């Protein structure tokens, strides 16, 4: 099979390190005969809304390895009449029931006739065989050193097979543009599908890794010792026993999707292979490694992230290396989790992120509004006078109606739990010229480092698109 060009350079590197970057067999992915579709509910009108028709099926995503077929439900929603030329791929649970649309997705369906396709996407340890699949996956990865046996690979193929399922419904979908979105593991799926499958024309990953590995190295035991020590101390200092237990459960869930140093050593892996695997396991969804290819293809990208999310670390590095990547970084935004553990600002549940989906989709599908260019930020930091001055310009002439600068003092390092609770403060920016906004503020305290993000809300043609600068670190 001829390998996609975007993987060739990575394969050359990976073979030297004996870690293989798993590729996708696109011919098989697009083959409708391998879906083995089982119709659960054929097309019929939604009982609560006769303007919507729906269908529920179960499909085979792939045969992950001989004898293990992965099957997931797919819900398809469309207007009661006509065909859809635009479709949004999202994710849902593994339950065999019709997934309901809400928020921006329901608006896109009802107001603009966008078809919706929801594919089951769940943690590996809850997939069949429940409680065993993640250990079987780990064993395969250890044996083969092939990243095909990782969560990113299986989640990504799910979105692609959902699209194949929709394209088989020729009486309902005549597709021209396809946008994928989703948060967390579903954001991983979104990015992986957009990278590997040129049928996707836009992606909006939410709280998903961009540069670094989510939540820590894929090989557990290779986290820097100082970070591990910080995290152990943070958990030990928690006074709420319920919150502590919720946080420990989260840590264990992440562990269930990874291998350990001991497992790798027992299988004869070298230190170099373990280091390579830490990042290579997530290569399928690392969009920044494929920006040139995606730009040439015309794929539109818009990441929505949280500044305080240790599943999407490296945001300062992202700004240094890829300042032109469209992002909305929510100052203080977290990945999500138990409120008892202190997670109160989940990015995926914010109304401005839902509105961003609507704005981005109406831009991509219909050209109904512009996609604001990433702002260019100039900063002046006088650490002796504790004065921060910021000027923001928009190269495309955009003039957002709401503009603010946010800052955080002495941020904790990526992957530390304490980083997820860093405080942020804001001040308004004022228009000082054409597509230019400025502000100055005093920053109190013993400032060793100062992180800055500017946030801008742009209203146009009935929607609001909120964008941000990259995260900038001043010292």
Protein backbone atom coordinates (compact mmCIF):
# COMPACT_ATOMS: atom_id res chain seq x y z
CA UNK A 1 0.00 0.00 0.00
CA UNK A 2 1.30 3.47 -0.85
CA UNK A 3 1.77 5.49 2.34
CA UNK A 4 0.41 9.05 2.64
CA UNK A 5 3.14 11.61 1.98
CA UNK A 6 2.60 13.30 5.33
CA UNK A 7 3.83 10.21 7.16
CA UNK A 8 6.95 9.42 5.11
CA UNK A 9 9.41 11.66 6.96
CA UNK A 10 8.10 10.52 10.32
CA UNK A 11 8.36 6.89 9.33
CA UNK A 12 11.99 7.34 8.35
CA UNK A 13 12.74 8.79 11.78
CA UNK A 14 10.62 6.24 13.62
CA UNK A 15 12.18 3.19 12.00
CA UNK A 16 15.58 4.35 13.24
CA UNK A 17 14.18 4.50 16.73
CA UNK A 18 12.34 1.19 16.24
CA UNK A 19 9.02 2.89 17.05
CA UNK A 20 6.65 2.71 14.10
CA UNK A 21 4.15 5.49 13.40
CA UNK A 22 0.91 3.66 12.70
CA UNK A 23 -0.70 4.67 9.41
CA UNK A 24 -4.28 4.54 8.23
CA UNK A 25 -5.35 2.36 5.30
CA UNK A 26 -7.48 4.99 3.57
CA UNK A 27 -8.82 2.59 0.95
CA UNK A 28 -10.24 0.38 3.69
CA UNK A 29 -11.51 3.35 5.68
CA UNK A 30 -13.50 4.59 2.66
CA UNK A 31 -14.80 1.13 1.75
CA UNK A 32 -18.50 1.03 2.68
CA UNK A 33 -18.61 -2.77 2.36
CA UNK A 34 -16.39 -3.12 5.44
CA UNK A 35 -18.76 -1.08 7.60
CA UNK A 36 -20.90 -4.18 8.19
CA UNK A 37 -23.74 -1.78 8.94
CA UNK A 38 -26.48 -2.93 11.27
CA UNK A 39 -29.56 -0.69 11.15
CA UNK A 40 -30.94 -0.08 14.63
CA UNK A 41 -33.46 2.62 13.61
CA UNK A 42 -33.97 3.45 9.93
CA UNK A 43 -34.65 6.97 8.72
CA UNK A 44 -37.69 8.46 10.43
CA UNK A 45 -38.88 11.81 11.71
CA UNK A 46 -37.72 12.89 15.14
CA UNK A 47 -40.67 12.28 17.51
CA UNK A 48 -40.21 15.71 19.10
CA UNK A 49 -39.38 17.71 15.96
CA UNK A 50 -40.86 16.76 12.60
CA UNK A 51 -38.41 19.09 10.84
CA UNK A 52 -35.59 16.61 11.61
CA UNK A 53 -35.11 13.04 10.39
CA UNK A 54 -32.77 10.60 12.03
CA UNK A 55 -31.15 7.21 11.63
CA UNK A 56 -29.21 5.01 14.05
CA UNK A 57 -26.79 2.32 12.93
CA UNK A 58 -23.93 0.29 14.31
CA UNK A 59 -20.77 -0.05 12.23
CA UNK A 60 -17.39 -1.73 12.30
CA UNK A 61 -14.71 0.90 12.79
CA UNK A 62 -11.91 -1.55 12.08
CA UNK A 63 -10.44 -4.90 12.96
CA UNK A 64 -7.88 -3.53 15.42
CA UNK A 65 -6.03 -6.79 15.27
CA UNK A 66 -7.07 -10.26 14.02
CA UNK A 67 -10.13 -11.38 15.91
CA UNK A 68 -10.95 -8.02 17.50
CA UNK A 69 -13.44 -5.91 15.59
CA UNK A 70 -14.35 -2.56 17.10
CA UNK A 71 -17.97 -1.56 16.56
CA UNK A 72 -19.63 1.72 17.50
CA UNK A 73 -23.03 3.39 17.06
CA UNK A 74 -23.53 6.19 14.55
CA UNK A 75 -26.40 8.66 14.71
CA UNK A 76 -27.25 10.67 11.59
CA UNK A 77 -29.47 13.75 11.74
CA UNK A 78 -30.67 15.74 8.73
CA UNK A 79 -33.50 18.07 7.70
CA UNK A 80 -36.75 16.25 7.04
CA UNK A 81 -36.53 17.08 3.33
CA UNK A 82 -33.78 17.65 0.81
CA UNK A 83 -30.11 16.68 0.89
CA UNK A 84 -27.19 17.93 2.94
CA UNK A 85 -24.10 19.25 1.19
CA UNK A 86 -22.43 20.16 4.48
CA UNK A 87 -21.93 17.86 7.44
CA UNK A 88 -20.50 18.14 10.93
CA UNK A 89 -18.85 15.08 12.45
CA UNK A 90 -18.97 14.90 16.26
CA UNK A 91 -18.87 12.20 18.90
CA UNK A 92 -21.15 10.59 21.42
CA UNK A 93 -21.28 7.70 23.86
CA UNK A 94 -21.27 4.01 22.97
CA UNK A 95 -24.94 3.57 23.88
CA UNK A 96 -27.18 2.21 21.15
CA UNK A 97 -29.57 5.11 21.11
CA UNK A 98 -30.11 8.18 18.95
CA UNK A 99 -27.84 11.05 20.03
CA UNK A 100 -29.60 14.38 20.45
CA UNK A 101 -28.29 17.67 19.06
CA UNK A 102 -28.14 20.82 21.14
CA UNK A 103 -26.60 24.29 21.15
CA UNK A 104 -24.65 25.31 18.05
CA UNK A 105 -25.09 21.91 16.42
CA UNK A 106 -28.87 22.07 16.64
CA UNK A 107 -28.82 25.63 15.26
CA UNK A 108 -26.67 24.53 12.33
CA UNK A 109 -29.08 21.71 11.58
CA UNK A 110 -32.29 23.71 12.00
CA UNK A 111 -31.23 27.07 10.59
CA UNK A 112 -28.78 26.03 7.87
CA UNK A 113 -29.54 22.41 6.96
CA UNK A 114 -26.16 21.08 8.11
CA UNK A 115 -26.17 17.31 8.53
CA UNK A 116 -24.93 15.94 11.84
CA UNK A 117 -23.13 12.63 12.29
CA UNK A 118 -22.28 11.38 15.79
CA UNK A 119 -19.90 8.43 16.27
CA UNK A 120 -19.30 6.65 19.57
CA UNK A 121 -15.97 7.65 21.12
CA UNK A 122 -15.19 6.48 24.63
CA UNK A 123 -12.18 5.79 26.88
CA UNK A 124 -10.33 2.64 25.91
CA UNK A 125 -10.99 0.95 29.25
CA UNK A 126 -14.78 1.21 28.67
CA UNK A 127 -14.69 -0.32 25.18
CA UNK A 128 -15.49 -4.00 24.66
CA UNK A 129 -14.19 -6.12 26.23
CA UNK A 130 -14.71 -3.68 29.09
CA UNK A 131 -11.84 -3.59 31.58
CA UNK A 132 -9.61 -5.68 29.33
CA UNK A 133 -9.24 -3.86 26.02
CA UNK A 134 -6.79 -1.27 27.34
CA UNK A 135 -4.44 -3.98 28.66
CA UNK A 136 -4.67 -5.90 25.38
CA UNK A 137 -3.90 -2.68 23.51
CA UNK A 138 -0.88 -2.03 25.72
CA UNK A 139 0.39 -5.56 25.09
CA UNK A 140 0.10 -5.06 21.33
CA UNK A 141 1.96 -1.79 21.47
CA UNK A 142 4.70 -3.28 23.63
CA UNK A 143 5.08 -6.26 21.27
CA UNK A 144 4.93 -4.41 17.94
CA UNK A 145 6.19 -0.90 18.88
CA UNK A 146 3.54 0.29 16.44
CA UNK A 147 1.51 3.35 17.43
CA UNK A 148 -1.43 1.82 15.60
CA UNK A 149 -2.26 0.32 19.00
CA UNK A 150 -2.84 3.58 20.82
CA UNK A 151 -5.94 5.63 21.72
CA UNK A 152 -5.20 8.40 19.21
CA UNK A 153 -5.22 5.93 16.34
CA UNK A 154 -8.50 4.22 17.20
CA UNK A 155 -10.30 7.45 18.08
CA UNK A 156 -9.18 9.07 14.83
CA UNK A 157 -10.33 6.20 12.67
CA UNK A 158 -13.76 6.46 14.30
CA UNK A 159 -14.38 9.95 12.89
CA UNK A 160 -13.23 8.84 9.45
CA UNK A 161 -15.52 5.82 9.44
CA UNK A 162 -18.41 7.99 10.58
CA UNK A 163 -17.89 10.07 7.45
CA UNK A 164 -17.82 6.92 5.31
CA UNK A 165 -21.12 5.90 6.90
CA UNK A 166 -22.70 9.22 6.02
CA UNK A 167 -21.44 9.11 2.44
CA UNK A 168 -23.16 5.75 1.99
CA UNK A 169 -26.50 7.50 2.61
CA UNK A 170 -26.67 8.91 -0.92
CA UNK A 171 -30.30 9.99 -0.68
CA UNK A 172 -29.51 12.27 2.27
CA UNK A 173 -25.87 13.39 2.01
CA UNK A 174 -24.22 14.88 -1.10
CA UNK A 175 -21.18 16.20 0.68
CA UNK A 176 -19.06 19.16 -0.36
CA UNK A 177 -17.64 20.31 2.98
CA UNK A 178 -17.02 18.36 6.18
CA UNK A 179 -16.16 19.87 9.57
CA UNK A 180 -15.10 17.73 12.54
CA UNK A 181 -15.17 18.86 16.14
CA UNK A 182 -14.99 17.40 19.63
CA UNK A 183 -13.40 17.85 23.03
CA UNK A 184 -10.68 15.93 24.86
CA UNK A 185 -10.39 12.41 23.36
CA UNK A 186 -12.93 13.57 20.78
CA UNK A 187 -10.65 16.50 20.03
CA UNK A 188 -7.86 13.97 19.48
CA UNK A 189 -10.18 12.15 17.07
CA UNK A 190 -10.98 15.43 15.31
CA UNK A 191 -7.32 16.30 14.74
CA UNK A 192 -6.31 12.78 13.68
CA UNK A 193 -9.12 12.57 11.15
CA UNK A 194 -8.35 16.01 9.74
CA UNK A 195 -4.67 15.14 9.31
CA UNK A 196 -5.10 11.74 7.69
CA UNK A 197 -8.30 12.11 5.63
CA UNK A 198 -8.55 14.77 2.94
CA UNK A 199 -12.34 14.43 2.87
CA UNK A 200 -12.36 16.65 5.98
CA UNK A 201 -12.22 20.31 5.03
CA UNK A 202 -12.14 21.87 8.53
CA UNK A 203 -11.43 20.87 12.13
CA UNK A 204 -12.19 22.54 15.47
CA UNK A 205 -10.52 20.50 18.22
CA UNK A 206 -11.41 21.53 21.78
CA UNK A 207 -9.12 20.94 24.82
CA UNK A 208 -6.94 18.64 22.73
CA UNK A 209 -3.13 18.39 22.53
CA UNK A 210 -1.45 20.53 19.88
CA UNK A 211 2.31 20.39 20.50
CA UNK A 212 3.08 18.19 23.49
CA UNK A 213 1.60 14.91 24.75
CA UNK A 214 -1.67 15.17 26.72
CA UNK A 215 -1.49 14.75 30.48
CA UNK A 216 2.11 13.58 30.56
CA UNK A 217 4.50 11.21 28.74
CA UNK A 218 2.84 8.17 27.16
CA UNK A 219 5.40 5.99 28.96
CA UNK A 220 4.57 6.44 32.62
CA UNK A 221 7.61 6.88 34.79
CA UNK A 222 9.30 9.32 32.40
CA UNK A 223 7.73 12.45 33.86
CA UNK A 224 10.43 14.80 35.22
CA UNK A 225 11.00 13.94 38.89
CA UNK A 226 10.32 17.49 40.06
CA UNK A 227 6.86 17.45 38.43
CA UNK A 228 6.01 14.09 40.00
CA UNK A 229 7.11 15.40 43.39
CA UNK A 230 5.00 18.54 42.97
CA UNK A 231 1.92 16.52 42.03
CA UNK A 232 2.29 14.09 44.92
CA UNK A 233 2.58 17.03 47.31
CA UNK A 234 -0.46 18.73 45.79
CA UNK A 235 -2.66 15.65 46.23
CA UNK A 236 -1.36 15.03 49.76
CA UNK A 237 -2.25 18.62 50.73
CA UNK A 238 -5.86 18.39 49.54
CA UNK A 239 -8.27 18.77 52.47
CA UNK A 240 -11.42 17.54 50.73
CA UNK A 241 -11.31 13.71 50.71
CA UNK A 242 -13.95 13.54 47.95
CA UNK A 243 -11.95 15.92 45.78
CA UNK A 244 -8.76 13.98 46.42
CA UNK A 245 -10.42 10.71 45.42
CA UNK A 246 -11.87 12.29 42.25
CA UNK A 247 -8.43 13.52 41.28
CA UNK A 248 -6.89 10.10 41.92
CA UNK A 249 -9.58 8.50 39.76
CA UNK A 250 -8.68 10.87 36.95
CA UNK A 251 -5.01 9.99 37.29
CA UNK A 252 -5.81 6.25 37.19
CA UNK A 253 -8.01 6.69 34.10
CA UNK A 254 -5.15 8.33 32.26
CA UNK A 255 -2.83 5.57 33.39
CA UNK A 256 -5.14 2.96 31.87
CA UNK A 257 -4.40 4.35 28.40
CA UNK A 258 -0.61 4.27 28.77
CA UNK A 259 2.27 1.86 29.15
CA UNK A 260 4.84 2.00 31.96
CA UNK A 261 8.61 2.14 32.02
CA UNK A 262 8.66 -1.25 33.70
CA UNK A 263 6.50 -2.82 30.99
CA UNK A 264 8.76 -1.42 28.28
CA UNK A 265 11.97 -2.52 30.02
CA UNK A 266 10.61 -6.01 30.62
CA UNK A 267 9.96 -6.23 26.87
CA UNK A 268 13.54 -5.19 26.10
CA UNK A 269 12.85 -1.61 24.97
CA UNK A 270 15.78 0.79 25.01
CA UNK A 271 15.73 4.16 26.74
CA UNK A 272 15.71 5.81 23.31
CA UNK A 273 12.63 3.84 22.29
CA UNK A 274 10.79 4.82 25.45
CA UNK A 275 11.61 8.50 24.90
CA UNK A 276 10.46 8.31 21.29
CA UNK A 277 7.23 6.54 22.26
CA UNK A 278 6.32 9.29 24.75
CA UNK A 279 5.50 11.63 21.86
CA UNK A 280 5.11 9.24 18.93
CA UNK A 281 2.06 7.65 20.56
CA UNK A 282 0.18 10.91 19.89
CA UNK A 283 1.65 11.65 16.46
CA UNK A 284 -1.65 10.87 14.73
CA UNK A 285 -3.24 13.99 16.24
CA UNK A 286 -0.28 16.40 16.36
CA UNK A 287 -1.61 18.96 13.87
CA UNK A 288 1.42 21.24 14.07
CA UNK A 289 3.58 18.60 12.34
CA UNK A 290 1.33 18.76 9.27
CA UNK A 291 0.48 22.44 8.92
CA UNK A 292 2.14 22.79 5.50
CA UNK A 293 0.23 19.81 4.12
CA UNK A 294 -3.06 20.98 5.62
CA UNK A 295 -2.56 24.51 4.31
CA UNK A 296 -1.89 23.20 0.81
CA UNK A 297 -5.01 21.05 1.08
CA UNK A 298 -7.06 24.07 2.20
CA UNK A 299 -8.08 22.58 5.55
CA UNK A 300 -9.27 25.24 7.99
CA UNK A 301 -8.18 24.87 11.63
CA UNK A 302 -9.40 26.52 14.83
CA UNK A 303 -8.28 25.23 18.23
CA UNK A 304 -10.16 26.10 21.44
CA UNK A 305 -7.96 25.51 24.49
CA UNK A 306 -7.69 26.24 28.19
CA UNK A 307 -4.63 27.99 29.59
CA UNK A 308 -4.86 25.78 32.69
CA UNK A 309 -5.32 22.43 30.94
CA UNK A 310 -2.53 19.89 31.40
CA UNK A 311 -3.99 17.84 28.54
CA UNK A 312 -2.97 20.63 26.15
CA UNK A 313 0.49 21.69 27.39
CA UNK A 314 3.03 23.65 25.40
CA UNK A 315 0.85 26.69 24.66
CA UNK A 316 3.78 29.08 25.13
CA UNK A 317 5.82 26.98 22.71
CA UNK A 318 2.86 26.95 20.34
CA UNK A 319 2.89 30.74 20.23
CA UNK A 320 6.63 30.88 19.62
CA UNK A 321 6.63 28.33 16.81
CA UNK A 322 3.18 28.68 15.26
CA UNK A 323 1.85 32.19 15.95
CA UNK A 324 -0.41 32.07 12.89
CA UNK A 325 -2.44 29.05 14.06
CA UNK A 326 -5.97 30.30 14.88
CA UNK A 327 -6.70 29.68 18.56
CA UNK A 328 -8.96 30.70 21.39
CA UNK A 329 -7.08 30.14 24.63
CA UNK A 330 -9.41 30.65 27.59
CA UNK A 331 -7.48 32.32 30.45
CA UNK A 332 -7.98 30.11 33.49
CA UNK A 333 -9.82 27.55 31.37
CA UNK A 334 -9.49 23.95 32.53
CA UNK A 335 -9.94 20.60 30.87
CA UNK A 336 -12.90 19.69 33.04
CA UNK A 337 -13.40 17.36 35.93
CA UNK A 338 -15.02 16.99 39.32
CA UNK A 339 -16.07 20.25 40.97
CA UNK A 340 -15.10 18.68 44.29
CA UNK A 341 -11.50 18.69 43.02
CA UNK A 342 -11.73 22.37 42.05
CA UNK A 343 -12.50 22.15 38.35
CA UNK A 344 -14.99 24.96 37.82
CA UNK A 345 -14.06 26.40 34.41
CA UNK A 346 -14.43 23.59 31.89
CA UNK A 347 -13.63 25.01 28.45
CA UNK A 348 -15.82 22.54 26.58
CA UNK A 349 -18.92 23.73 28.45
CA UNK A 350 -18.40 27.48 27.98
CA UNK A 351 -21.07 29.32 25.94
CA UNK A 352 -18.42 31.25 24.00
CA UNK A 353 -16.87 27.97 22.81
CA UNK A 354 -20.27 26.72 21.64
CA UNK A 355 -20.80 30.04 19.87
CA UNK A 356 -17.35 29.65 18.30
CA UNK A 357 -18.48 26.39 16.73
CA UNK A 358 -21.50 28.12 15.23
CA UNK A 359 -19.42 31.05 13.96
CA UNK A 360 -16.62 28.85 12.59
CA UNK A 361 -19.09 26.52 10.88
CA UNK A 362 -21.11 29.30 9.24
CA UNK A 363 -17.83 30.82 8.06
CA UNK A 364 -16.54 27.53 6.65
CA UNK A 365 -19.73 26.21 5.12
CA UNK A 366 -21.31 29.40 3.83
CA UNK A 367 -18.77 32.24 4.01
CA UNK A 368 -21.26 34.02 6.27
CA UNK A 369 -18.54 35.74 8.27
CA UNK A 370 -14.78 36.15 8.36
CA UNK A 371 -12.36 34.03 10.35
CA UNK A 372 -10.46 36.70 12.30
CA UNK A 373 -6.71 36.50 11.79
CA UNK A 374 -4.57 35.70 14.84
CA UNK A 375 -3.70 38.98 16.58
CA UNK A 376 -0.15 40.28 16.61
CA UNK A 377 0.83 41.32 20.13
CA UNK A 378 3.58 43.70 21.20
CA UNK A 379 4.40 43.81 24.92
CA UNK A 380 6.47 46.04 27.14
CA UNK A 381 7.18 44.79 30.65
CA UNK A 382 8.90 47.05 33.18
CA UNK A 383 9.57 44.68 36.06
CA UNK A 384 10.93 47.48 38.24
CA UNK A 385 7.82 49.63 37.93
CA UNK A 386 5.55 46.59 37.63
CA UNK A 387 3.97 48.07 34.49
CA UNK A 388 2.72 45.99 31.58
CA UNK A 389 1.86 47.67 28.27
CA UNK A 390 0.21 45.75 25.43
CA UNK A 391 -0.62 46.66 21.83
CA UNK A 392 -2.61 44.36 19.56
CA UNK A 393 -3.07 44.65 15.80
CA UNK A 394 -5.09 42.60 13.31
CA UNK A 395 -3.43 42.18 9.93
CA UNK A 396 -6.74 41.54 8.18
CA UNK A 397 -8.27 44.78 9.45
CA UNK A 398 -10.67 43.07 11.86
CA UNK A 399 -11.99 45.27 14.66
CA UNK A 400 -13.42 43.11 17.47
CA UNK A 401 -16.00 44.80 19.66
CA UNK A 402 -14.61 43.37 22.92
CA UNK A 403 -10.90 43.29 23.71
CA UNK A 404 -9.01 42.46 26.89
CA UNK A 405 -5.58 41.51 28.15
CA UNK A 406 -5.20 38.73 30.72
CA UNK A 407 -2.11 37.89 32.78
CA UNK A 408 -0.93 35.30 35.26
CA UNK A 409 2.03 35.67 37.60
CA UNK A 410 4.63 32.96 38.27
CA UNK A 411 2.82 30.14 36.52
CA UNK A 412 3.46 26.56 37.57
CA UNK A 413 5.08 24.24 34.99
CA UNK A 414 3.18 22.21 32.42
CA UNK A 415 1.93 18.83 33.66
CA UNK A 416 1.80 20.01 37.25
CA UNK A 417 -1.61 19.83 38.91
CA UNK A 418 -1.00 23.26 40.45
CA UNK A 419 -0.84 24.72 36.92
CA UNK A 420 -4.50 23.84 36.49
CA UNK A 421 -5.39 26.32 39.24
CA UNK A 422 -3.18 29.28 38.34
CA UNK A 423 -5.03 32.60 38.75
CA UNK A 424 -5.55 35.07 35.89
CA UNK A 425 -6.44 38.78 36.00
CA UNK A 426 -7.79 40.98 33.19
CA UNK A 427 -8.01 44.60 32.05
CA UNK A 428 -9.75 46.08 29.01
CA UNK A 429 -7.94 47.16 25.86
CA UNK A 430 -9.01 50.33 24.07
CA UNK A 431 -9.08 51.08 20.36
CA UNK A 432 -6.07 53.26 19.54
CA UNK A 433 -6.02 53.05 15.74
CA UNK A 434 -7.25 51.08 12.76
CA UNK A 435 -7.53 47.43 13.87
CA UNK A 436 -5.31 48.33 16.82
CA UNK A 437 -5.98 48.04 20.57
CA UNK A 438 -3.79 49.00 23.50
CA UNK A 439 -3.73 49.01 27.28
CA UNK A 440 -1.46 49.44 30.28
CA UNK A 441 -1.78 47.99 33.76
CA UNK A 442 0.06 47.49 37.02
CA UNK A 443 1.01 43.96 38.05
CA UNK A 444 1.49 43.57 41.77
CA UNK A 445 3.65 41.10 43.69
CA UNK A 446 7.01 39.42 43.32
CA UNK A 447 6.89 38.78 39.58
CA UNK A 448 9.43 36.26 38.33
CA UNK A 449 7.50 35.32 35.19
CA UNK A 450 4.46 36.90 33.59
CA UNK A 451 2.21 35.07 31.13
CA UNK A 452 -0.04 37.14 28.88
CA UNK A 453 -3.02 36.33 26.64
CA UNK A 454 -5.20 38.82 24.78
CA UNK A 455 -8.84 37.88 24.07
CA UNK A 456 -11.08 39.38 21.39
CA UNK A 457 -14.79 38.90 20.59
CA UNK A 458 -15.79 39.77 17.02
CA UNK A 459 -19.48 40.06 16.15
CA UNK A 460 -20.49 39.75 12.52
CA UNK A 461 -23.60 38.63 10.64
CA UNK A 462 -25.40 37.19 13.66
CA UNK A 463 -22.51 35.32 15.30
CA UNK A 464 -19.66 36.05 17.68
CA UNK A 465 -16.22 34.60 17.12
CA UNK A 466 -13.90 34.79 20.13
CA UNK A 467 -10.20 34.45 19.39
CA UNK A 468 -7.03 35.02 21.37
CA UNK A 469 -3.37 35.65 20.97
CA UNK A 470 -0.98 32.82 21.71
CA UNK A 471 0.15 32.57 25.33
CA UNK A 472 3.21 34.79 25.79
CA UNK A 473 5.72 34.41 28.61
CA UNK A 474 7.68 37.44 29.84
CA UNK A 475 10.59 37.17 32.25
